[in-house]
Structures are given as C-alpha cells and as structure tokens.
C-alpha cells in the first residue's frame, strides 16, 4: 500500500491486540498489515498507529501464553513495564481500537483479569477527548472485541462508551 502524505493526517490511533506474535518493531505480520490497511482506509486523519498487546510475553501461539500464565502467573506474562507503556500510549492516542478477540487457550480468569486492567487504564486516562472503538463484524463484543487478524475494510466501527 502506498502512503500518500495528507496534511490532515495528524491524529494517533492505538490498537490493542492479544499478544505479540511474529511481528516486531522491524517486521509486520498479516495482522499488523490488516490493522494498517484498515486504519488508513477508515481514519482519514490518522498519521501514527501504535500497536499494544494485552500481554508483554512474545508468543506466536496463545497456548504459549496460557502455559506461562499457569506456570509463572500474570505478573510474568504482563511484564514489569507493560502497564506503564500502555498508559503512556493511551494518553497520546486520539483513537483506541480494541481488537484482542477471545481468550483462545489462555485461562479465562487470567485473560479476563487482564482485559479488566486494560479497560481500567483506558477509562482512567486523563485525556478526556479520546474515542474508543471496536470493529463490528457481528462477532465479538465489548469485552471480547473482534480480533484484528480477521478484519476487512468492509467492517464498520462501533464507538464504545
């Protein structure tokens, strides 16, 4: 996709996914490419996209996150600095899109606890003009929003309260 510089692109979007995958700061994967395409197609004012993950642990399979959650606990898979980094990005964002999907094989108690913490950080930020969205594909919910790896440009956005 070619990026055409648009002087009106001055906003920031943060997309919150489940866990790091094969993508990193230098290499995108299919989910990241879908996010980029969706954001730049549906937000004419977004210049910068931040990708956040519920868990700091890097794994290409949710089973790995589940295993570490069971063996080492929430503080391990969240990492020592993940929450502070999330708060920092949330405070910069004009738009936040939740896109973590269901728990897969991650224990529901662990997964739900992390989602509640994430939503608490979003709602307690000091930026009062932030807009929270999820992609509506007649799948997912406010608590388990439709995962970005399945997004299509034809899906609409739902603004959360």
Protein backbone atom coordinates (compact mmCIF):
# COMPACT_ATOMS: atom_id res chain seq x y z
CA UNK A 1 0.00 0.00 0.00
CA UNK A 2 1.36 3.41 -0.91
CA UNK A 3 1.08 6.08 1.73
CA UNK A 4 0.09 9.45 0.32
CA UNK A 5 1.08 12.31 2.58
CA UNK A 6 -2.03 14.12 3.67
CA UNK A 7 -1.69 17.34 5.65
CA UNK A 8 -4.86 16.44 7.55
CA UNK A 9 -3.27 13.31 8.98
CA UNK A 10 -2.26 14.44 12.44
CA UNK A 11 -4.05 12.01 14.78
CA UNK A 12 -2.87 8.91 16.59
CA UNK A 13 -4.58 5.53 16.88
CA UNK A 14 -3.71 2.79 19.34
CA UNK A 15 -4.87 -0.73 18.53
CA UNK A 16 -4.83 -3.24 21.37
CA UNK A 17 -4.29 -6.87 20.37
CA UNK A 18 -3.91 -10.11 22.34
CA UNK A 19 -0.22 -10.92 22.46
CA UNK A 20 2.90 -10.31 20.44
CA UNK A 21 3.25 -12.65 17.51
CA UNK A 22 5.89 -12.99 14.84
CA UNK A 23 5.72 -9.24 14.28
CA UNK A 24 8.21 -6.96 15.97
CA UNK A 25 9.39 -3.36 15.66
CA UNK A 26 11.06 -4.13 12.31
CA UNK A 27 8.78 -6.73 10.72
CA UNK A 28 4.99 -6.77 10.27
CA UNK A 29 2.84 -9.87 10.08
CA UNK A 30 -0.59 -10.37 8.47
CA UNK A 31 -2.46 -8.95 11.48
CA UNK A 32 -0.36 -5.79 11.53
CA UNK A 33 -0.82 -5.31 7.79
CA UNK A 34 -4.61 -5.68 8.19
CA UNK A 35 -4.56 -3.11 11.00
CA UNK A 36 -2.56 -0.64 8.93
CA UNK A 37 -4.79 -1.04 5.90
CA UNK A 38 -7.98 -0.76 7.97
CA UNK A 39 -6.85 2.30 9.93
CA UNK A 40 -5.51 4.22 6.95
CA UNK A 41 -8.64 3.38 4.93
CA UNK A 42 -11.15 4.26 7.66
CA UNK A 43 -9.46 7.13 9.52
CA UNK A 44 -8.52 9.89 7.12
CA UNK A 45 -6.87 11.86 9.92
CA UNK A 46 -4.59 9.15 11.40
CA UNK A 47 -0.90 9.52 10.81
CA UNK A 48 0.52 7.30 13.57
CA UNK A 49 -0.56 3.83 14.69
CA UNK A 50 0.60 2.27 17.93
CA UNK A 51 0.17 -1.46 18.41
CA UNK A 52 -0.28 -2.58 22.00
CA UNK A 53 -0.67 -6.12 23.27
CA UNK A 54 -2.54 -7.26 26.35
CA UNK A 55 0.45 -9.38 27.34
CA UNK A 56 4.12 -8.49 27.11
CA UNK A 57 5.20 -12.07 26.53
CA UNK A 58 6.11 -12.76 22.91
CA UNK A 59 4.46 -15.88 21.53
CA UNK A 60 3.11 -16.86 18.14
CA UNK A 61 0.55 -19.16 19.75
CA UNK A 62 -1.87 -18.37 22.59
CA UNK A 63 -1.03 -21.83 24.01
CA UNK A 64 2.41 -20.48 24.93
CA UNK A 65 0.84 -17.55 26.77
CA UNK A 66 -1.56 -19.94 28.53
CA UNK A 67 1.29 -22.19 29.63
CA UNK A 68 3.29 -19.29 31.05
CA UNK A 69 0.21 -17.87 32.75
CA UNK A 70 -0.35 -21.20 34.51
CA UNK A 71 3.33 -21.75 35.35
CA UNK A 72 4.57 -18.26 36.19
CA UNK A 73 1.48 -16.12 36.73
CA UNK A 74 0.00 -12.86 35.49
CA UNK A 75 2.85 -10.59 36.59
CA UNK A 76 5.29 -12.62 34.48
CA UNK A 77 3.27 -12.57 31.24
CA UNK A 78 2.38 -8.92 31.73
CA UNK A 79 5.98 -7.90 32.31
CA UNK A 80 7.32 -5.21 34.62
CA UNK A 81 6.79 -2.23 32.28
CA UNK A 82 3.82 -3.16 30.09
CA UNK A 83 1.19 -1.20 32.06
CA UNK A 84 3.30 1.95 32.17
CA UNK A 85 3.93 1.74 28.43
CA UNK A 86 0.19 1.24 27.81
CA UNK A 87 -0.71 4.26 29.97
CA UNK A 88 1.82 6.35 28.08
CA UNK A 89 0.43 5.38 24.65
CA UNK A 90 -3.20 5.68 25.77
CA UNK A 91 -2.51 9.23 26.93
CA UNK A 92 -1.16 10.10 23.44
CA UNK A 93 -3.91 8.41 21.42
CA UNK A 94 -6.84 10.17 19.81
CA UNK A 95 -8.48 6.84 18.99
CA UNK A 96 -8.23 3.48 20.71
CA UNK A 97 -9.45 0.35 18.97
CA UNK A 98 -9.82 -2.81 21.00
CA UNK A 99 -9.07 -5.90 18.93
CA UNK A 100 -7.91 -8.71 21.21
CA UNK A 101 -10.61 -11.25 20.46
CA UNK A 102 -11.49 -14.22 22.66
CA UNK A 103 -9.23 -15.94 25.14
CA UNK A 104 -8.32 -18.88 22.84
CA UNK A 105 -6.49 -21.26 25.16
CA UNK A 106 -5.47 -18.63 27.71
CA UNK A 107 -7.21 -19.35 31.04
CA UNK A 108 -10.35 -17.19 31.21
CA UNK A 109 -9.56 -15.93 34.70
CA UNK A 110 -6.15 -14.69 33.61
CA UNK A 111 -7.47 -13.29 30.33
CA UNK A 112 -10.46 -11.54 31.86
CA UNK A 113 -8.31 -10.06 34.61
CA UNK A 114 -6.01 -8.56 32.00
CA UNK A 115 -8.90 -7.17 29.96
CA UNK A 116 -10.38 -5.51 33.05
CA UNK A 117 -7.00 -3.95 33.83
CA UNK A 118 -6.66 -2.73 30.24
CA UNK A 119 -10.13 -1.17 30.27
CA UNK A 120 -9.38 0.46 33.63
CA UNK A 121 -6.25 2.07 32.14
CA UNK A 122 -8.22 3.30 29.12
CA UNK A 123 -11.05 4.76 31.19
CA UNK A 124 -8.81 6.35 33.81
CA UNK A 125 -6.58 8.21 31.39
CA UNK A 126 -6.52 11.97 31.73
CA UNK A 127 -7.27 12.66 28.08
CA UNK A 128 -11.00 13.34 28.01
CA UNK A 129 -11.43 13.52 24.23
CA UNK A 130 -10.18 10.02 23.48
CA UNK A 131 -12.56 7.90 21.38
CA UNK A 132 -12.83 4.16 21.95
CA UNK A 133 -13.87 1.82 19.12
CA UNK A 134 -14.12 -1.82 18.21
CA UNK A 135 -14.66 -3.27 14.74
CA UNK A 136 -18.17 -4.64 14.30
CA UNK A 137 -18.33 -7.75 12.23
CA UNK A 138 -21.40 -9.11 14.01
CA UNK A 139 -18.87 -11.04 16.03
CA UNK A 140 -17.18 -10.22 19.25
CA UNK A 141 -18.41 -7.93 21.99
CA UNK A 142 -17.24 -5.01 24.07
CA UNK A 143 -15.37 -7.41 26.33
CA UNK A 144 -14.09 -9.70 23.57
CA UNK A 145 -13.84 -7.44 20.51
CA UNK A 146 -13.37 -8.93 17.05
CA UNK A 147 -9.68 -9.79 16.59
CA UNK A 148 -7.80 -7.69 14.06
CA UNK A 149 -6.42 -10.72 12.21
CA UNK A 150 -9.93 -11.16 10.77
CA UNK A 151 -10.66 -7.53 9.88
CA UNK A 152 -11.81 -6.49 6.44
CA UNK A 153 -12.26 -2.95 5.18
CA UNK A 154 -15.97 -3.68 4.73
CA UNK A 155 -16.47 -3.94 8.52
CA UNK A 156 -17.77 -0.91 10.36
CA UNK A 157 -16.67 0.64 13.61
CA UNK A 158 -18.70 0.73 16.81
CA UNK A 159 -17.96 3.53 19.23
CA UNK A 160 -17.77 2.29 22.82
CA UNK A 161 -18.79 4.34 25.82
